């Protein structure tokens, strides 16, 4: 019988079947956004696995809407590239595996870093930082401030 899709993808469809060429382009674009997200996260965190970054801001810069960002976060979390601290606030941090993956993409040239990104992004507003030098650090103003 016909293939049935269950879950969020089933409700998202328009009822029209994409052409194979259109589907390939869509898959390429999705993969590129996922890779670019991880590399941007890497540059914003300064490759530090202890730094929490606002993933929703990175998503906005990529032009990804909230639904796409949830898919991107779930994808990278499933692969062990990131740890999500707070889905609602969008706070995430890299794992060692995420650092390795981002560096591989940067070194092989498949994804380029943002121009001028050499470390954590300076954002207006107070920075929240933990007092524990071994603990995680949050980069960016708290949400809602």
N, C-alpha and C. Protein backbone atom coordinates (compact mmCIF):
# COMPACT_ATOMS: atom_id res chain seq x y z
N UNK A 1 0.81 -1.18 0.00
CA UNK A 1 0.00 0.00 0.00
C UNK A 1 0.86 1.25 0.00
N UNK A 2 0.21 2.40 -0.02
CA UNK A 2 0.94 3.67 -0.04
C UNK A 2 1.65 3.92 1.28
N UNK A 3 2.73 4.64 1.20
CA UNK A 3 3.50 5.01 2.37
C UNK A 3 2.73 6.05 3.17
N UNK A 4 2.58 5.82 4.46
CA UNK A 4 1.89 6.79 5.32
C UNK A 4 2.90 7.44 6.24
N UNK A 5 2.83 8.75 6.33
CA UNK A 5 3.73 9.49 7.20
C UNK A 5 2.96 9.86 8.46
N UNK A 6 3.58 9.59 9.60
CA UNK A 6 2.97 9.95 10.87
C UNK A 6 3.85 10.97 11.56
N UNK A 7 3.25 11.81 12.38
CA UNK A 7 4.01 12.81 13.12
C UNK A 7 3.86 14.18 12.50
N UNK A 8 4.71 15.12 12.94
CA UNK A 8 4.57 16.52 12.49
C UNK A 8 4.64 16.68 10.97
N UNK A 9 5.44 15.86 10.29
CA UNK A 9 5.58 16.00 8.84
C UNK A 9 4.26 15.73 8.12
N UNK A 10 3.43 14.87 8.68
CA UNK A 10 2.16 14.53 8.05
C UNK A 10 1.24 15.74 7.98
N UNK A 11 1.23 16.57 9.01
CA UNK A 11 0.36 17.73 9.02
C UNK A 11 0.95 18.88 8.20
N UNK A 12 2.26 18.89 8.00
CA UNK A 12 2.92 20.01 7.34
C UNK A 12 2.77 19.97 5.82
N UNK A 13 2.43 18.83 5.24
CA UNK A 13 2.37 18.70 3.79
C UNK A 13 1.26 19.51 3.17
N UNK A 14 1.48 19.95 1.93
CA UNK A 14 0.47 20.75 1.22
C UNK A 14 -0.46 19.86 0.41
N UNK A 15 -0.20 18.56 0.39
CA UNK A 15 -1.02 17.67 -0.40
C UNK A 15 -0.43 17.43 -1.79
N UNK A 16 0.49 18.29 -2.23
CA UNK A 16 1.12 18.12 -3.53
C UNK A 16 2.44 17.40 -3.35
N UNK A 17 2.72 16.48 -4.25
CA UNK A 17 3.98 15.76 -4.19
C UNK A 17 5.06 16.56 -4.90
N UNK A 18 6.20 16.76 -4.24
CA UNK A 18 7.28 17.49 -4.91
C UNK A 18 7.93 16.61 -5.97
N UNK A 19 8.50 17.25 -6.97
CA UNK A 19 9.24 16.50 -7.97
C UNK A 19 10.55 16.05 -7.34
N UNK A 20 11.19 15.05 -7.92
CA UNK A 20 12.45 14.55 -7.39
C UNK A 20 13.50 15.66 -7.40
N UNK A 21 13.53 16.45 -8.48
CA UNK A 21 14.49 17.56 -8.55
C UNK A 21 14.21 18.58 -7.45
N UNK A 22 12.95 18.93 -7.27
CA UNK A 22 12.56 19.88 -6.22
C UNK A 22 12.88 19.35 -4.84
N UNK A 23 12.66 18.06 -4.65
CA UNK A 23 12.95 17.43 -3.36
C UNK A 23 14.45 17.45 -3.09
N UNK A 24 15.26 17.15 -4.10
CA UNK A 24 16.72 17.18 -3.93
C UNK A 24 17.20 18.57 -3.54
N UNK A 25 16.64 19.60 -4.17
CA UNK A 25 17.03 20.97 -3.84
C UNK A 25 16.62 21.31 -2.41
N UNK A 26 15.45 20.86 -2.01
CA UNK A 26 14.96 21.11 -0.64
C UNK A 26 15.86 20.40 0.38
N UNK A 27 16.25 19.17 0.09
CA UNK A 27 17.13 18.42 0.99
C UNK A 27 18.48 19.11 1.09
N UNK A 28 19.03 19.55 -0.05
CA UNK A 28 20.32 20.26 -0.04
C UNK A 28 20.24 21.53 0.82
N UNK A 29 19.17 22.28 0.65
CA UNK A 29 19.00 23.53 1.41
C UNK A 29 18.87 23.24 2.90
N UNK A 30 18.12 22.20 3.26
CA UNK A 30 17.94 21.84 4.66
C UNK A 30 19.26 21.41 5.28
N UNK A 31 20.01 20.59 4.57
CA UNK A 31 21.33 20.15 5.06
C UNK A 31 22.28 21.33 5.23
N UNK A 32 22.24 22.25 4.27
CA UNK A 32 23.11 23.42 4.35
C UNK A 32 22.77 24.28 5.57
N UNK A 33 21.46 24.48 5.86
CA UNK A 33 21.07 25.27 7.03
C UNK A 33 21.47 24.58 8.33
N UNK A 34 21.33 23.25 8.38
CA UNK A 34 21.75 22.52 9.59
C UNK A 34 23.25 22.66 9.81
N UNK A 35 24.03 22.54 8.74
CA UNK A 35 25.48 22.67 8.85
C UNK A 35 25.86 24.09 9.23
N UNK A 36 25.24 25.06 8.59
CA UNK A 36 25.56 26.46 8.89
C UNK A 36 25.19 26.80 10.33
N UNK A 37 24.07 26.26 10.81
CA UNK A 37 23.70 26.50 12.20
C UNK A 37 24.79 26.02 13.15
N UNK A 38 25.28 24.80 12.93
CA UNK A 38 26.28 24.24 13.85
C UNK A 38 27.57 25.05 13.79
N UNK A 39 27.99 25.46 12.61
CA UNK A 39 29.22 26.25 12.49
C UNK A 39 29.04 27.62 13.14
N UNK A 40 27.88 28.24 12.97
CA UNK A 40 27.63 29.53 13.63
C UNK A 40 27.63 29.36 15.14
N UNK A 41 27.02 28.28 15.63
CA UNK A 41 27.03 28.01 17.06
C UNK A 41 28.47 27.86 17.55
N UNK A 42 29.26 27.14 16.80
CA UNK A 42 30.68 26.94 17.12
C UNK A 42 31.42 28.28 17.21
N UNK A 43 31.21 29.15 16.23
CA UNK A 43 31.92 30.43 16.25
C UNK A 43 31.40 31.34 17.37
N UNK A 44 30.09 31.35 17.60
CA UNK A 44 29.52 32.18 18.67
C UNK A 44 30.02 31.73 20.04
N UNK A 45 30.18 30.44 20.21
CA UNK A 45 30.64 29.90 21.50
C UNK A 45 32.16 29.92 21.62
N UNK A 46 32.85 30.33 20.58
CA UNK A 46 34.30 30.32 20.61
C UNK A 46 34.85 28.92 20.76
N UNK A 47 34.14 27.93 20.24
CA UNK A 47 34.45 26.49 20.29
C UNK A 47 34.48 25.94 21.72
N UNK A 48 33.90 26.66 22.67
CA UNK A 48 33.91 26.26 24.09
C UNK A 48 32.64 25.47 24.42
N UNK A 49 32.80 24.25 24.89
CA UNK A 49 31.64 23.40 25.20
C UNK A 49 30.93 23.84 26.48
N UNK A 50 31.47 24.81 27.19
CA UNK A 50 30.84 25.28 28.43
C UNK A 50 29.97 26.52 28.22
N UNK A 51 29.95 27.05 27.01
CA UNK A 51 29.24 28.30 26.73
C UNK A 51 27.85 28.01 26.16
N UNK A 52 26.82 28.55 26.82
CA UNK A 52 25.45 28.45 26.30
C UNK A 52 25.21 29.63 25.37
N UNK A 53 24.55 29.34 24.24
CA UNK A 53 24.29 30.33 23.20
C UNK A 53 22.80 30.32 22.87
N UNK A 54 22.26 31.48 22.51
CA UNK A 54 20.87 31.61 22.11
C UNK A 54 20.72 31.08 20.67
N UNK A 55 20.24 29.87 20.55
CA UNK A 55 20.09 29.24 19.23
C UNK A 55 19.02 29.93 18.39
N UNK A 56 18.02 30.53 19.05
CA UNK A 56 16.96 31.18 18.29
C UNK A 56 17.48 32.40 17.55
N UNK A 57 18.45 33.11 18.13
CA UNK A 57 19.06 34.24 17.42
C UNK A 57 19.83 33.76 16.19
N UNK A 58 20.53 32.65 16.33
CA UNK A 58 21.24 32.09 15.18
C UNK A 58 20.23 31.69 14.11
N UNK A 59 19.14 31.07 14.53
CA UNK A 59 18.09 30.67 13.59
C UNK A 59 17.51 31.85 12.84
N UNK A 60 17.27 32.96 13.56
CA UNK A 60 16.75 34.16 12.91
C UNK A 60 17.73 34.66 11.85
N UNK A 61 19.02 34.65 12.19
CA UNK A 61 20.05 35.09 11.24
C UNK A 61 20.09 34.19 10.00
N UNK A 62 19.75 32.92 10.17
CA UNK A 62 19.72 31.97 9.05
C UNK A 62 18.43 32.07 8.25
N UNK A 63 17.45 32.78 8.78
CA UNK A 63 16.15 32.86 8.13
C UNK A 63 15.28 31.65 8.41
N UNK A 64 15.60 30.91 9.48
CA UNK A 64 14.83 29.72 9.85
C UNK A 64 13.72 30.12 10.82
N UNK A 65 12.52 29.68 10.54
CA UNK A 65 11.40 29.94 11.44
C UNK A 65 11.44 29.01 12.65
N UNK A 66 10.53 29.22 13.60
CA UNK A 66 10.53 28.42 14.82
C UNK A 66 10.40 26.91 14.59
N UNK A 67 9.55 26.51 13.66
CA UNK A 67 9.39 25.07 13.38
C UNK A 67 10.67 24.47 12.82
N UNK A 68 11.29 25.18 11.88
CA UNK A 68 12.53 24.67 11.31
C UNK A 68 13.62 24.63 12.38
N UNK A 69 13.67 25.63 13.25
CA UNK A 69 14.68 25.63 14.31
C UNK A 69 14.48 24.45 15.25
N UNK A 70 13.25 24.11 15.57
CA UNK A 70 13.00 22.93 16.42
C UNK A 70 13.53 21.67 15.75
N UNK A 71 13.34 21.57 14.42
CA UNK A 71 13.86 20.41 13.69
C UNK A 71 15.39 20.40 13.69
N UNK A 72 16.00 21.57 13.49
CA UNK A 72 17.46 21.67 13.49
C UNK A 72 18.02 21.30 14.86
N UNK A 73 17.42 21.83 15.92
CA UNK A 73 17.88 21.51 17.27
C UNK A 73 17.72 20.02 17.57
N UNK A 74 16.58 19.46 17.21
CA UNK A 74 16.34 18.03 17.46
C UNK A 74 17.34 17.18 16.69
N UNK A 75 17.63 17.57 15.45
CA UNK A 75 18.59 16.84 14.63
C UNK A 75 19.97 16.82 15.29
N UNK A 76 20.48 17.99 15.64
CA UNK A 76 21.82 18.07 16.24
C UNK A 76 21.86 17.45 17.63
N UNK A 77 20.76 17.56 18.37
CA UNK A 77 20.72 16.92 19.69
C UNK A 77 20.75 15.40 19.54
N UNK A 78 20.00 14.88 18.59
CA UNK A 78 19.96 13.44 18.34
C UNK A 78 21.34 12.90 17.96
N UNK A 79 22.09 13.67 17.19
CA UNK A 79 23.44 13.25 16.80
C UNK A 79 24.48 13.49 17.89
N UNK A 80 24.08 14.18 18.96
CA UNK A 80 25.01 14.45 20.05
C UNK A 80 25.91 15.64 19.81
N UNK A 81 25.54 16.50 18.85
CA UNK A 81 26.34 17.70 18.55
C UNK A 81 26.09 18.81 19.55
N UNK A 82 24.88 18.85 20.13
CA UNK A 82 24.51 19.91 21.06
C UNK A 82 23.78 19.32 22.26
N UNK A 83 23.73 20.10 23.33
CA UNK A 83 22.87 19.83 24.48
C UNK A 83 21.93 21.02 24.58
N UNK A 84 20.65 20.74 24.66
CA UNK A 84 19.66 21.80 24.80
C UNK A 84 19.39 22.00 26.28
N UNK A 85 19.66 23.20 26.76
CA UNK A 85 19.42 23.52 28.16
C UNK A 85 17.97 23.94 28.37
N UNK A 86 17.43 24.71 27.44
CA UNK A 86 16.08 25.23 27.59
C UNK A 86 15.49 25.41 26.19
N UNK A 87 14.54 24.53 25.83
CA UNK A 87 13.93 24.62 24.50
C UNK A 87 13.19 25.93 24.32
N UNK A 88 12.45 26.35 25.33
CA UNK A 88 11.63 27.55 25.20
C UNK A 88 12.50 28.79 24.98
N UNK A 89 13.59 28.91 25.76
CA UNK A 89 14.49 30.06 25.63
C UNK A 89 15.50 29.87 24.50
N UNK A 90 15.65 28.64 24.02
CA UNK A 90 16.57 28.37 22.93
C UNK A 90 18.03 28.32 23.34
N UNK A 91 18.30 28.04 24.62
CA UNK A 91 19.68 27.99 25.08
C UNK A 91 20.28 26.61 24.81
N UNK A 92 21.40 26.60 24.09
CA UNK A 92 22.08 25.35 23.76
C UNK A 92 23.58 25.53 23.96
N UNK A 93 24.27 24.41 24.05
CA UNK A 93 25.73 24.44 24.07
C UNK A 93 26.23 23.31 23.20
N UNK A 94 27.44 23.49 22.71
CA UNK A 94 28.10 22.46 21.91
C UNK A 94 28.55 21.31 22.80
N UNK A 95 28.64 20.14 22.21
CA UNK A 95 29.31 19.01 22.84
C UNK A 95 30.66 18.86 22.14
N UNK A 96 31.50 17.99 22.67
CA UNK A 96 32.78 17.72 22.01
C UNK A 96 32.53 17.20 20.58
N UNK A 97 31.51 16.39 20.42
CA UNK A 97 31.16 15.89 19.09
C UNK A 97 30.74 17.00 18.15
N UNK A 98 30.03 18.00 18.67
CA UNK A 98 29.63 19.14 17.86
C UNK A 98 30.82 19.99 17.44
N UNK A 99 31.78 20.15 18.37
CA UNK A 99 33.01 20.88 18.04
C UNK A 99 33.74 20.15 16.91
N UNK A 100 33.89 18.83 17.06
CA UNK A 100 34.58 18.05 16.03
C UNK A 100 33.88 18.15 14.67
N UNK A 101 32.55 18.04 14.66
CA UNK A 101 31.80 18.10 13.40
C UNK A 101 31.96 19.48 12.77
N UNK A 102 31.80 20.56 13.55
CA UNK A 102 31.92 21.91 13.01
C UNK A 102 33.33 22.14 12.46
N UNK A 103 34.34 21.69 13.19
CA UNK A 103 35.72 21.86 12.72
C UNK A 103 35.98 21.07 11.44
N UNK A 104 35.41 19.89 11.34
CA UNK A 104 35.55 19.10 10.11
C UNK A 104 34.96 19.86 8.93
N UNK A 105 33.75 20.40 9.10
CA UNK A 105 33.11 21.15 8.01
C UNK A 105 33.92 22.40 7.67
N UNK A 106 34.45 23.07 8.69
CA UNK A 106 35.27 24.27 8.42
C UNK A 106 36.56 23.91 7.69
N UNK A 107 37.22 22.84 8.14
CA UNK A 107 38.49 22.45 7.53
C UNK A 107 38.34 21.93 6.11
N UNK A 108 37.25 21.19 5.85
CA UNK A 108 37.10 20.66 4.49
C UNK A 108 36.43 21.67 3.54
N UNK A 109 36.07 22.84 4.09
CA UNK A 109 35.52 23.91 3.26
C UNK A 109 34.06 23.76 2.90
N UNK A 110 33.37 22.77 3.47
CA UNK A 110 31.96 22.60 3.11
C UNK A 110 31.07 23.67 3.74
N UNK A 111 31.53 24.30 4.83
CA UNK A 111 30.81 25.42 5.43
C UNK A 111 31.85 26.46 5.83
N UNK A 112 31.55 27.73 5.55
CA UNK A 112 32.46 28.80 5.93
C UNK A 112 31.93 29.49 7.18
N UNK A 113 32.85 29.97 8.01
CA UNK A 113 32.46 30.72 9.21
C UNK A 113 31.96 32.10 8.79
N UNK A 114 31.14 32.68 9.64
CA UNK A 114 30.67 34.04 9.40
C UNK A 114 31.88 34.98 9.37
N UNK A 115 31.86 35.97 8.51
CA UNK A 115 32.96 36.94 8.52
C UNK A 115 33.03 37.63 9.87
N UNK A 116 34.23 37.73 10.42
CA UNK A 116 34.43 38.44 11.67
C UNK A 116 34.09 37.66 12.91
N UNK A 117 33.70 36.40 12.79
CA UNK A 117 33.37 35.60 13.97
C UNK A 117 34.61 34.90 14.47
N UNK A 118 35.16 35.41 15.53
CA UNK A 118 36.36 34.79 16.09
C UNK A 118 36.11 34.28 17.49
N UNK A 119 34.93 34.48 18.01
CA UNK A 119 34.66 34.04 19.37
C UNK A 119 33.23 34.35 19.74
N UNK A 120 32.93 34.34 21.03
CA UNK A 120 31.56 34.61 21.46
C UNK A 120 31.09 35.99 20.98
N UNK A 121 29.84 36.06 20.63
CA UNK A 121 29.26 37.30 20.14
C UNK A 121 28.98 38.22 21.32
N UNK A 122 29.36 39.46 21.18
CA UNK A 122 29.04 40.46 22.20
C UNK A 122 27.65 40.97 21.89
N UNK A 123 26.73 40.86 22.83
CA UNK A 123 25.38 41.35 22.63
C UNK A 123 25.10 42.46 23.64
N UNK A 124 24.25 43.41 23.29
CA UNK A 124 23.94 44.45 24.25
C UNK A 124 23.21 43.85 25.45
N UNK A 125 23.32 44.50 26.57
CA UNK A 125 22.64 44.03 27.77
C UNK A 125 23.61 43.28 28.65
N UNK A 126 23.19 43.02 29.88
CA UNK A 126 24.09 42.34 30.82
C UNK A 126 24.31 40.89 30.42
N UNK A 127 25.52 40.43 30.63
CA UNK A 127 25.83 39.04 30.36
C UNK A 127 25.64 38.24 31.63
N UNK A 128 25.01 37.11 31.52
CA UNK A 128 24.88 36.20 32.66
C UNK A 128 26.05 35.25 32.62
N UNK A 129 26.77 35.15 33.71
CA UNK A 129 27.87 34.22 33.77
C UNK A 129 27.82 33.50 35.11
N UNK A 130 28.22 32.25 35.09
CA UNK A 130 28.24 31.50 36.33
C UNK A 130 29.46 31.90 37.13
N UNK A 131 29.36 31.78 38.45
CA UNK A 131 30.48 32.10 39.32
C UNK A 131 31.50 30.97 39.31
N UNK A 132 31.05 29.78 38.98
CA UNK A 132 31.92 28.60 38.98
C UNK A 132 32.79 28.62 37.72
N UNK A 133 34.13 28.71 37.86
CA UNK A 133 34.97 28.76 36.67
C UNK A 133 34.91 27.50 35.82
N UNK A 134 34.50 26.39 36.40
CA UNK A 134 34.38 25.15 35.63
C UNK A 134 32.98 24.95 35.07
N UNK A 135 32.07 25.82 35.46
CA UNK A 135 30.68 25.67 35.03
C UNK A 135 30.43 26.35 33.70
N UNK A 136 29.22 26.15 33.16
CA UNK A 136 28.89 26.76 31.87
C UNK A 136 28.75 28.27 31.96
N UNK A 137 28.96 28.93 30.86
CA UNK A 137 28.81 30.36 30.74
C UNK A 137 27.72 30.62 29.72
N UNK A 138 26.87 31.61 29.97
CA UNK A 138 25.83 31.98 29.02
C UNK A 138 26.26 33.23 28.29
N UNK A 139 26.16 33.19 26.96
CA UNK A 139 26.50 34.35 26.15
C UNK A 139 25.20 34.99 25.71
N UNK A 140 25.07 36.29 25.96
CA UNK A 140 23.90 37.03 25.49
C UNK A 140 23.05 37.50 26.64
N UNK A 141 22.21 38.45 26.32
CA UNK A 141 21.30 38.99 27.32
C UNK A 141 20.22 37.98 27.62
N UNK A 142 19.74 37.94 28.86
CA UNK A 142 18.66 37.02 29.17
C UNK A 142 17.44 37.34 28.33
N UNK A 143 16.68 36.33 27.93
CA UNK A 143 15.47 36.55 27.13
C UNK A 143 14.48 37.38 27.91
N UNK A 144 13.82 38.27 27.17
CA UNK A 144 12.79 39.09 27.79
C UNK A 144 13.34 40.34 28.44
N UNK A 145 14.64 40.60 28.34
CA UNK A 145 15.19 41.81 28.96
C UNK A 145 15.38 42.89 27.92
